Amino acid sequence: MPKRFMKRYMPTPEKIRSIKALHFLGDILHEPNLWHINRHGIARGFLIGIFLCFIPMPFQMVAAALCAIWLNANLPLSVALVWISNPLTMPPMFYFNYKVGAWLLDHPVVDYRFELSVSWIKESLVDIGIPLYFGSLIIATISSCACYLLIQFLWRRRVRSSWEERRQRRLKQDNH
């Protein structure tokens, strides 16, 4: 069952609370809903983590943690999911986001060569940055909402099938 799998690999609230570097957060980490594995917390965790993994920004994990606290989502899952965009996956993800943004904005795809200079960054910020962030917002919104709805659906389906299995077992026991 996914719930047992997740419990096995997620850090416990006690372990997180014991990290001295996080003591500045105070009682925020004591909120039980940040650690519970339930349908709403997990679905919100996927919503946050998947959304932020598609947004090109520094400190995605910090943003995911703050959003998880604000939206009462599963904190470890939100933070872990932003690692979908890692140094290996970022180039194809962000290039795809850029192409989607350029297509939606009817902007020509720029064939560029990277230069480490202030002038190149200023020029490229508009040509590349606007389509990249627009495409990233579109892809992030669609992907995170789809994951949220999928988690809600699959969780409900699993609960219904568990209920049905128990009902069938009870009927068998009653018939014997």
N, C-alpha and C. Protein backbone atom coordinates (compact mmCIF):
# COMPACT_ATOMS: atom_id res chain seq x y z
N MET A 1 0.84 -1.19 0.00
CA MET A 1 0.00 0.00 0.00
C MET A 1 0.89 1.25 0.00
N PRO A 2 0.55 2.28 -0.77
CA PRO A 2 1.38 3.48 -0.85
C PRO A 2 1.58 4.18 0.50
N LYS A 3 0.58 4.10 1.37
CA LYS A 3 0.68 4.78 2.66
C LYS A 3 1.82 4.18 3.49
N ARG A 4 1.93 2.87 3.52
CA ARG A 4 3.01 2.22 4.26
C ARG A 4 4.37 2.54 3.64
N PHE A 5 4.42 2.53 2.32
CA PHE A 5 5.66 2.85 1.61
C PHE A 5 6.12 4.27 1.95
N MET A 6 5.19 5.19 1.95
CA MET A 6 5.54 6.59 2.24
C MET A 6 5.98 6.75 3.69
N LYS A 7 5.30 6.08 4.60
CA LYS A 7 5.69 6.18 6.02
C LYS A 7 7.09 5.65 6.24
N ARG A 8 7.46 4.63 5.51
CA ARG A 8 8.77 4.02 5.67
C ARG A 8 9.89 4.98 5.29
N TYR A 9 9.68 5.79 4.25
CA TYR A 9 10.75 6.63 3.73
C TYR A 9 10.67 8.10 4.15
N MET A 10 9.58 8.51 4.74
CA MET A 10 9.47 9.91 5.16
C MET A 10 10.08 10.08 6.54
N PRO A 11 10.74 11.22 6.76
CA PRO A 11 11.29 11.46 8.10
C PRO A 11 10.16 11.68 9.09
N THR A 12 10.38 11.29 10.32
CA THR A 12 9.37 11.47 11.35
C THR A 12 9.39 12.92 11.82
N PRO A 13 8.26 13.40 12.34
CA PRO A 13 8.25 14.77 12.87
C PRO A 13 9.28 14.96 13.98
N GLU A 14 9.50 13.93 14.78
CA GLU A 14 10.49 14.02 15.87
C GLU A 14 11.89 14.22 15.31
N LYS A 15 12.21 13.52 14.23
CA LYS A 15 13.53 13.67 13.63
C LYS A 15 13.72 15.08 13.09
N ILE A 16 12.70 15.63 12.44
CA ILE A 16 12.79 16.99 11.92
C ILE A 16 12.89 18.00 13.07
N ARG A 17 12.10 17.78 14.12
CA ARG A 17 12.15 18.70 15.26
C ARG A 17 13.50 18.68 15.97
N SER A 18 14.22 17.57 15.85
CA SER A 18 15.51 17.47 16.53
C SER A 18 16.63 18.20 15.78
N ILE A 19 16.37 18.64 14.57
CA ILE A 19 17.37 19.37 13.80
C ILE A 19 17.45 20.80 14.34
N LYS A 20 18.57 21.13 14.94
CA LYS A 20 18.71 22.43 15.60
C LYS A 20 18.59 23.60 14.64
N ALA A 21 19.00 23.42 13.40
CA ALA A 21 18.93 24.51 12.42
C ALA A 21 17.49 24.93 12.13
N LEU A 22 16.52 24.08 12.44
CA LEU A 22 15.12 24.40 12.17
C LEU A 22 14.37 24.91 13.40
N HIS A 23 15.04 25.07 14.51
CA HIS A 23 14.37 25.52 15.74
C HIS A 23 13.82 26.93 15.63
N PHE A 24 14.36 27.73 14.70
CA PHE A 24 13.85 29.09 14.55
C PHE A 24 12.38 29.11 14.09
N LEU A 25 11.90 27.99 13.54
CA LEU A 25 10.51 27.91 13.09
C LEU A 25 9.52 27.76 14.24
N GLY A 26 10.02 27.40 15.42
CA GLY A 26 9.16 27.30 16.59
C GLY A 26 8.16 26.16 16.48
N ASP A 27 6.91 26.46 16.79
CA ASP A 27 5.86 25.43 16.85
C ASP A 27 5.25 25.10 15.49
N ILE A 28 5.69 25.77 14.45
CA ILE A 28 5.11 25.52 13.12
C ILE A 28 5.27 24.05 12.73
N LEU A 29 6.41 23.47 13.04
CA LEU A 29 6.64 22.07 12.67
C LEU A 29 5.87 21.08 13.54
N HIS A 30 5.21 21.56 14.57
CA HIS A 30 4.42 20.67 15.43
C HIS A 30 3.00 20.48 14.91
N GLU A 31 2.66 21.17 13.85
CA GLU A 31 1.33 21.03 13.26
C GLU A 31 1.19 19.61 12.69
N PRO A 32 0.26 18.81 13.24
CA PRO A 32 0.15 17.41 12.82
C PRO A 32 -0.19 17.21 11.35
N ASN A 33 -0.97 18.12 10.77
CA ASN A 33 -1.38 17.94 9.37
C ASN A 33 -0.22 18.03 8.40
N LEU A 34 0.88 18.63 8.81
CA LEU A 34 2.05 18.69 7.94
C LEU A 34 2.71 17.32 7.79
N TRP A 35 2.39 16.41 8.65
CA TRP A 35 3.05 15.10 8.68
C TRP A 35 2.10 13.94 8.40
N HIS A 36 0.79 14.16 8.51
CA HIS A 36 -0.16 13.07 8.31
C HIS A 36 -0.20 12.64 6.85
N ILE A 37 -0.43 11.37 6.69
CA ILE A 37 -0.59 10.82 5.34
C ILE A 37 -2.08 10.56 5.16
N ASN A 38 -2.74 11.54 4.62
CA ASN A 38 -4.16 11.41 4.30
C ASN A 38 -4.39 11.97 2.90
N ARG A 39 -5.57 11.75 2.40
CA ARG A 39 -5.86 12.11 1.02
C ARG A 39 -5.63 13.59 0.75
N HIS A 40 -6.11 14.44 1.61
CA HIS A 40 -6.01 15.87 1.35
C HIS A 40 -4.57 16.37 1.47
N GLY A 41 -3.86 15.94 2.50
CA GLY A 41 -2.47 16.38 2.69
C GLY A 41 -1.56 15.91 1.57
N ILE A 42 -1.73 14.67 1.14
CA ILE A 42 -0.90 14.12 0.07
C ILE A 42 -1.24 14.79 -1.26
N ALA A 43 -2.53 14.99 -1.53
CA ALA A 43 -2.92 15.65 -2.79
C ALA A 43 -2.39 17.08 -2.83
N ARG A 44 -2.48 17.79 -1.71
CA ARG A 44 -1.94 19.15 -1.68
C ARG A 44 -0.41 19.14 -1.81
N GLY A 45 0.22 18.14 -1.20
CA GLY A 45 1.68 18.02 -1.33
C GLY A 45 2.09 17.82 -2.77
N PHE A 46 1.35 16.99 -3.51
CA PHE A 46 1.62 16.81 -4.94
C PHE A 46 1.37 18.10 -5.70
N LEU A 47 0.30 18.78 -5.38
CA LEU A 47 -0.02 20.04 -6.05
C LEU A 47 1.14 21.03 -5.91
N ILE A 48 1.64 21.19 -4.71
CA ILE A 48 2.72 22.15 -4.44
C ILE A 48 4.03 21.69 -5.08
N GLY A 49 4.41 20.45 -4.81
CA GLY A 49 5.70 19.95 -5.30
C GLY A 49 5.79 19.91 -6.81
N ILE A 50 4.74 19.44 -7.45
CA ILE A 50 4.75 19.37 -8.92
C ILE A 50 4.72 20.77 -9.52
N PHE A 51 3.92 21.66 -8.95
CA PHE A 51 3.88 23.02 -9.47
C PHE A 51 5.25 23.67 -9.40
N LEU A 52 5.90 23.61 -8.25
CA LEU A 52 7.17 24.29 -8.08
C LEU A 52 8.33 23.62 -8.83
N CYS A 53 8.22 22.33 -9.11
CA CYS A 53 9.31 21.69 -9.84
C CYS A 53 9.38 22.19 -11.28
N PHE A 54 8.29 22.73 -11.81
CA PHE A 54 8.28 23.24 -13.17
C PHE A 54 8.62 24.72 -13.27
N ILE A 55 8.76 25.39 -12.14
CA ILE A 55 9.06 26.82 -12.13
C ILE A 55 10.56 27.01 -11.98
N PRO A 56 11.21 27.67 -12.95
CA PRO A 56 12.65 27.89 -12.84
C PRO A 56 12.94 29.00 -11.82
N MET A 57 13.36 28.58 -10.65
CA MET A 57 13.66 29.53 -9.58
C MET A 57 14.64 28.90 -8.61
N PRO A 58 15.41 29.71 -7.94
CA PRO A 58 16.30 29.14 -6.92
C PRO A 58 15.49 28.84 -5.65
N PHE A 59 16.01 27.95 -4.84
CA PHE A 59 15.42 27.62 -3.54
C PHE A 59 13.99 27.08 -3.65
N GLN A 60 13.79 26.16 -4.58
CA GLN A 60 12.47 25.55 -4.75
C GLN A 60 12.02 24.82 -3.49
N MET A 61 12.97 24.19 -2.80
CA MET A 61 12.61 23.44 -1.59
C MET A 61 12.08 24.37 -0.51
N VAL A 62 12.67 25.53 -0.36
CA VAL A 62 12.20 26.50 0.63
C VAL A 62 10.79 26.97 0.28
N ALA A 63 10.58 27.27 -0.99
CA ALA A 63 9.25 27.69 -1.44
C ALA A 63 8.23 26.58 -1.21
N ALA A 64 8.61 25.34 -1.48
CA ALA A 64 7.70 24.20 -1.28
C ALA A 64 7.36 24.05 0.20
N ALA A 65 8.35 24.19 1.06
CA ALA A 65 8.10 24.07 2.50
C ALA A 65 7.17 25.18 2.99
N LEU A 66 7.41 26.40 2.55
CA LEU A 66 6.55 27.51 2.97
C LEU A 66 5.12 27.34 2.46
N CYS A 67 4.98 26.90 1.21
CA CYS A 67 3.64 26.65 0.67
C CYS A 67 2.95 25.50 1.39
N ALA A 68 3.69 24.46 1.74
CA ALA A 68 3.10 23.33 2.45
C ALA A 68 2.60 23.77 3.83
N ILE A 69 3.37 24.60 4.49
CA ILE A 69 2.93 25.11 5.80
C ILE A 69 1.70 25.98 5.63
N TRP A 70 1.71 26.85 4.64
CA TRP A 70 0.60 27.76 4.40
C TRP A 70 -0.68 27.02 4.01
N LEU A 71 -0.56 26.00 3.15
CA LEU A 71 -1.73 25.27 2.65
C LEU A 71 -2.03 24.00 3.44
N ASN A 72 -1.28 23.76 4.53
CA ASN A 72 -1.52 22.59 5.38
C ASN A 72 -1.38 21.29 4.58
N ALA A 73 -0.34 21.21 3.77
CA ALA A 73 -0.08 20.04 2.95
C ALA A 73 0.99 19.18 3.61
N ASN A 74 1.20 18.00 3.07
CA ASN A 74 2.23 17.12 3.59
C ASN A 74 3.59 17.73 3.26
N LEU A 75 4.29 18.15 4.28
CA LEU A 75 5.55 18.89 4.13
C LEU A 75 6.67 18.07 3.48
N PRO A 76 6.97 16.86 3.96
CA PRO A 76 8.08 16.12 3.33
C PRO A 76 7.82 15.80 1.86
N LEU A 77 6.59 15.49 1.52
CA LEU A 77 6.28 15.17 0.13
C LEU A 77 6.41 16.40 -0.76
N SER A 78 5.92 17.53 -0.29
CA SER A 78 6.03 18.77 -1.07
C SER A 78 7.49 19.10 -1.37
N VAL A 79 8.33 18.97 -0.37
CA VAL A 79 9.74 19.29 -0.54
C VAL A 79 10.43 18.26 -1.44
N ALA A 80 10.10 16.99 -1.26
CA ALA A 80 10.75 15.94 -2.05
C ALA A 80 10.39 16.02 -3.54
N LEU A 81 9.16 16.39 -3.84
CA LEU A 81 8.73 16.39 -5.24
C LEU A 81 9.39 17.47 -6.09
N VAL A 82 9.90 18.52 -5.49
CA VAL A 82 10.57 19.53 -6.31
C VAL A 82 11.86 18.98 -6.90
N TRP A 83 12.35 17.86 -6.37
CA TRP A 83 13.57 17.25 -6.91
C TRP A 83 13.33 16.52 -8.22
N ILE A 84 12.08 16.54 -8.70
CA ILE A 84 11.85 16.04 -10.05
C ILE A 84 12.66 16.88 -11.02
N SER A 85 12.73 18.17 -10.73
CA SER A 85 13.60 19.04 -11.55
C SER A 85 14.96 19.08 -10.87
N ASN A 86 15.83 18.31 -11.38
CA ASN A 86 17.19 18.22 -10.85
C ASN A 86 18.16 18.57 -11.99
N PRO A 87 19.44 18.60 -11.74
CA PRO A 87 20.37 19.00 -12.81
C PRO A 87 20.26 18.17 -14.10
N LEU A 88 19.79 16.94 -14.01
CA LEU A 88 19.64 16.13 -15.22
C LEU A 88 18.33 16.42 -15.97
N THR A 89 17.27 16.72 -15.23
CA THR A 89 15.97 16.91 -15.88
C THR A 89 15.65 18.36 -16.21
N MET A 90 16.34 19.29 -15.58
CA MET A 90 16.04 20.71 -15.81
C MET A 90 16.17 21.14 -17.27
N PRO A 91 17.27 20.84 -17.95
CA PRO A 91 17.37 21.33 -19.34
C PRO A 91 16.21 20.89 -20.24
N PRO A 92 15.84 19.60 -20.28
CA PRO A 92 14.72 19.27 -21.16
C PRO A 92 13.38 19.83 -20.67
N MET A 93 13.18 19.86 -19.35
CA MET A 93 11.92 20.41 -18.83
C MET A 93 11.78 21.88 -19.18
N PHE A 94 12.81 22.65 -18.91
CA PHE A 94 12.71 24.09 -19.12
C PHE A 94 12.74 24.45 -20.60
N TYR A 95 13.41 23.65 -21.41
CA TYR A 95 13.38 23.89 -22.84
C TYR A 95 11.97 23.63 -23.38
N PHE A 96 11.34 22.57 -22.90
CA PHE A 96 9.96 22.29 -23.29
C PHE A 96 9.04 23.42 -22.84
N ASN A 97 9.21 23.88 -21.59
CA ASN A 97 8.41 24.99 -21.08
C ASN A 97 8.60 26.24 -21.95
N TYR A 98 9.85 26.49 -22.33
CA TYR A 98 10.16 27.65 -23.18
C TYR A 98 9.45 27.52 -24.53
N LYS A 99 9.52 26.34 -25.13
CA LYS A 99 8.88 26.14 -26.44
C LYS A 99 7.37 26.29 -26.34
N VAL A 100 6.78 25.78 -25.26
CA VAL A 100 5.33 25.94 -25.07
C VAL A 100 5.00 27.42 -24.92
N GLY A 101 5.77 28.14 -24.10
CA GLY A 101 5.53 29.56 -23.90
C GLY A 101 5.70 30.35 -25.19
N ALA A 102 6.74 30.04 -25.95
CA ALA A 102 6.96 30.74 -27.22
C ALA A 102 5.82 30.46 -28.19
N TRP A 103 5.35 29.22 -28.22
CA TRP A 103 4.24 28.86 -29.11
C TRP A 103 2.96 29.58 -28.70
N LEU A 104 2.66 29.59 -27.40
CA LEU A 104 1.43 30.26 -26.93
C LEU A 104 1.48 31.77 -27.11
N LEU A 105 2.66 32.36 -26.98
CA LEU A 105 2.81 33.80 -27.16
C LEU A 105 3.06 34.18 -28.61
N ASP A 106 3.11 33.18 -29.48
CA ASP A 106 3.42 33.39 -30.89
C ASP A 106 4.74 34.16 -31.04
N HIS A 107 5.70 33.66 -30.31
CA HIS A 107 7.04 34.27 -30.25
C HIS A 107 8.00 33.30 -30.95
N PRO A 108 8.86 33.78 -31.81
CA PRO A 108 9.78 32.84 -32.48
C PRO A 108 10.76 32.22 -31.47
N VAL A 109 11.05 30.96 -31.65
CA VAL A 109 12.00 30.27 -30.79
C VAL A 109 13.39 30.78 -31.12
N VAL A 110 14.06 31.28 -30.12
CA VAL A 110 15.38 31.89 -30.30
C VAL A 110 16.44 30.80 -30.22
N ASP A 111 17.30 30.77 -31.22
CA ASP A 111 18.45 29.87 -31.16
C ASP A 111 19.60 30.68 -30.57
N TYR A 112 19.95 30.36 -29.34
CA TYR A 112 20.91 31.22 -28.64
C TYR A 112 22.15 30.46 -28.23
N ARG A 113 23.20 31.23 -28.03
CA ARG A 113 24.44 30.70 -27.46
C ARG A 113 24.68 31.43 -26.16
N PHE A 114 25.00 30.69 -25.14
CA PHE A 114 25.20 31.26 -23.81
C PHE A 114 26.51 32.04 -23.73
N GLU A 115 26.42 33.24 -23.17
CA GLU A 115 27.60 34.04 -22.87
C GLU A 115 27.48 34.52 -21.43
N LEU A 116 28.56 34.50 -20.73
CA LEU A 116 28.55 34.97 -19.35
C LEU A 116 28.89 36.46 -19.34
N SER A 117 27.88 37.27 -19.69
CA SER A 117 28.07 38.72 -19.68
C SER A 117 26.75 39.38 -19.30
N VAL A 118 26.85 40.57 -18.75
CA VAL A 118 25.66 41.30 -18.32
C VAL A 118 24.80 41.68 -19.53
N SER A 119 25.42 42.06 -20.61
CA SER A 119 24.65 42.45 -21.80
C SER A 119 23.87 41.26 -22.37
N TRP A 120 24.48 40.07 -22.40
CA TRP A 120 23.78 38.89 -22.92
C TRP A 120 22.58 38.57 -22.03
N ILE A 121 22.77 38.67 -20.71
CA ILE A 121 21.68 38.37 -19.78
C ILE A 121 20.54 39.37 -19.96
N LYS A 122 20.86 40.66 -20.10
CA LYS A 122 19.81 41.68 -20.31
C LYS A 122 19.03 41.43 -21.59
N GLU A 123 19.74 41.11 -22.67
CA GLU A 123 19.08 40.86 -23.95
C GLU A 123 18.25 39.58 -23.90
N SER A 124 18.78 38.54 -23.30
CA SER A 124 18.12 37.24 -23.28
C SER A 124 16.97 37.18 -22.29
N LEU A 125 16.99 38.03 -21.29
CA LEU A 125 15.94 38.01 -20.28
C LEU A 125 14.56 38.18 -20.89
N VAL A 126 14.45 39.08 -21.83
CA VAL A 126 13.16 39.31 -22.47
C VAL A 126 12.88 38.24 -23.53
N ASP A 127 13.87 37.97 -24.38
CA ASP A 127 13.67 37.03 -25.48
C ASP A 127 13.42 35.61 -24.99
N ILE A 128 14.09 35.21 -23.94
CA ILE A 128 13.97 33.84 -23.45
C ILE A 128 13.14 33.78 -22.17
N GLY A 129 13.31 34.75 -21.30
CA GLY A 129 12.68 34.71 -19.99
C GLY A 129 11.17 34.74 -20.00
N ILE A 130 10.58 35.62 -20.80
CA ILE A 130 9.12 35.73 -20.81
C ILE A 130 8.47 34.45 -21.34
N PRO A 131 8.88 33.93 -22.49
CA PRO A 131 8.28 32.66 -22.93
C PRO A 131 8.57 31.50 -21.96
N LEU A 132 9.76 31.49 -21.37
CA LEU A 132 10.11 30.42 -20.43
C LEU A 132 9.18 30.45 -19.21
N TYR A 133 9.02 31.60 -18.61
CA TYR A 133 8.18 31.67 -17.41
C TYR A 133 6.71 31.51 -17.73
N PHE A 134 6.26 32.02 -18.86
CA PHE A 134 4.87 31.83 -19.24
C PHE A 134 4.58 30.35 -19.49
N GLY A 135 5.45 29.70 -20.25
CA GLY A 135 5.29 28.26 -20.50
C GLY A 135 5.40 27.46 -19.22
N SER A 136 6.31 27.86 -18.35
CA SER A 136 6.47 27.16 -17.07
C SER A 136 5.22 27.27 -16.22
N LEU A 137 4.61 28.45 -16.18
CA LEU A 137 3.37 28.62 -15.41
C LEU A 137 2.24 27.77 -15.98
N ILE A 138 2.15 27.71 -17.29
CA ILE A 138 1.10 26.91 -17.93
C ILE A 138 1.31 25.42 -17.64
N ILE A 139 2.52 24.93 -17.89
CA ILE A 139 2.82 23.51 -17.68
C ILE A 139 2.70 23.16 -16.20
N ALA A 140 3.19 24.03 -15.32
CA ALA A 140 3.11 23.78 -13.88
C ALA A 140 1.66 23.70 -13.42
N THR A 141 0.84 24.60 -13.89
CA THR A 141 -0.58 24.61 -13.49
C THR A 141 -1.29 23.36 -13.97
N ILE A 142 -1.12 23.03 -15.23
CA ILE A 142 -1.79 21.84 -15.78
C ILE A 142 -1.30 20.57 -15.08
N SER A 143 0.02 20.43 -14.94
CA SER A 143 0.58 19.21 -14.33
C SER A 143 0.19 19.07 -12.87
N SER A 144 0.28 20.15 -12.12
CA SER A 144 -0.02 20.05 -10.68
C SER A 144 -1.51 19.80 -10.45
N CYS A 145 -2.37 20.44 -11.22
CA CYS A 145 -3.81 20.20 -11.07
C CYS A 145 -4.17 18.77 -11.47
N ALA A 146 -3.56 18.29 -12.55
CA ALA A 146 -3.81 16.91 -12.97
C ALA A 146 -3.36 15.93 -11.89
N CYS A 147 -2.18 16.16 -11.30
CA CYS A 147 -1.70 15.28 -10.23
C CYS A 147 -2.62 15.34 -9.01
N TYR A 148 -3.05 16.54 -8.65
CA TYR A 148 -3.96 16.70 -7.51
C TYR A 148 -5.24 15.88 -7.73
N LEU A 149 -5.85 16.05 -8.90
CA LEU A 149 -7.09 15.33 -9.20
C LEU A 149 -6.85 13.82 -9.29
N LEU A 150 -5.73 13.42 -9.86
CA LEU A 150 -5.41 12.00 -9.96
C LEU A 150 -5.22 11.36 -8.59
N ILE A 151 -4.51 12.05 -7.70
CA ILE A 151 -4.32 11.53 -6.34
C ILE A 151 -5.66 11.42 -5.63
N GLN A 152 -6.51 12.43 -5.75
CA GLN A 152 -7.84 12.37 -5.13
C GLN A 152 -8.63 11.17 -5.67
N PHE A 153 -8.61 11.00 -6.98
CA PHE A 153 -9.35 9.91 -7.60
C PHE A 153 -8.81 8.54 -7.17
N LEU A 154 -7.49 8.37 -7.27
CA LEU A 154 -6.90 7.07 -6.92
C LEU A 154 -7.08 6.74 -5.45
N TRP A 155 -6.97 7.73 -4.58
CA TRP A 155 -7.15 7.49 -3.15
C TRP A 155 -8.58 7.05 -2.86
N ARG A 156 -9.54 7.76 -3.45
CA ARG A 156 -10.95 7.38 -3.24
C ARG A 156 -11.24 5.99 -3.80
N ARG A 157 -10.69 5.71 -4.97
CA ARG A 157 -10.90 4.39 -5.56
C ARG A 157 -10.32 3.30 -4.67
N ARG A 158 -9.15 3.53 -4.11
CA ARG A 158 -8.52 2.55 -3.21
C ARG A 158 -9.36 2.35 -1.96
N VAL A 159 -9.89 3.41 -1.40
CA VAL A 159 -10.74 3.30 -0.20
C VAL A 159 -12.01 2.52 -0.54
N ARG A 160 -12.61 2.83 -1.68
CA ARG A 160 -13.82 2.09 -2.07
C ARG A 160 -13.54 0.61 -2.29
N SER A 161 -12.43 0.29 -2.93
CA SER A 161 -12.12 -1.12 -3.16
C SER A 161 -11.81 -1.83 -1.84
N SER A 162 -11.18 -1.14 -0.89
CA SER A 162 -10.93 -1.73 0.42
C SER A 162 -12.24 -2.00 1.15
N TRP A 163 -13.16 -1.06 1.07
CA TRP A 163 -14.47 -1.26 1.68
C TRP A 163 -15.18 -2.46 1.06
N GLU A 164 -15.10 -2.53 -0.25
CA GLU A 164 -15.77 -3.64 -0.94
C GLU A 164 -15.13 -4.98 -0.58
N GLU A 165 -13.80 -5.03 -0.48
CA GLU A 165 -13.12 -6.26 -0.07
C GLU A 165 -13.54 -6.68 1.34
N ARG A 166 -13.61 -5.73 2.25
CA ARG A 166 -14.05 -6.05 3.62
C ARG A 166 -15.49 -6.52 3.63
N ARG A 167 -16.32 -5.88 2.85
CA ARG A 167 -17.72 -6.28 2.78
C ARG A 167 -17.84 -7.70 2.26
N GLN A 168 -17.06 -8.05 1.22
CA GLN A 168 -17.09 -9.40 0.67
C GLN A 168 -16.60 -10.42 1.69
N ARG A 169 -15.54 -10.07 2.44
CA ARG A 169 -15.04 -10.99 3.47
C ARG A 169 -16.08 -11.21 4.55
N ARG A 170 -16.75 -10.16 4.96
CA ARG A 170 -17.79 -10.28 5.99
C ARG A 170 -18.95 -11.13 5.50
N LEU A 171 -19.31 -10.94 4.23
CA LEU A 171 -20.39 -11.77 3.68
C LEU A 171 -20.02 -13.24 3.65
N LYS A 172 -18.76 -13.54 3.30
CA LYS A 172 -18.29 -14.92 3.30
C LYS A 172 -18.30 -15.50 4.70
N GLN A 173 -17.88 -14.70 5.67
CA GLN A 173 -17.86 -15.18 7.06
C GLN A 173 -19.27 -15.41 7.58
N ASP A 174 -20.19 -14.57 7.21
CA ASP A 174 -21.58 -14.71 7.64
C ASP A 174 -22.24 -15.93 7.01
N ASN A 175 -21.83 -16.29 5.80
CA ASN A 175 -22.42 -17.43 5.11
C ASN A 175 -21.88 -18.77 5.60
N HIS A 176 -20.74 -18.75 6.30
CA HIS A 176 -20.16 -20.02 6.79
C HIS A 176 -20.63 -20.35 8.13
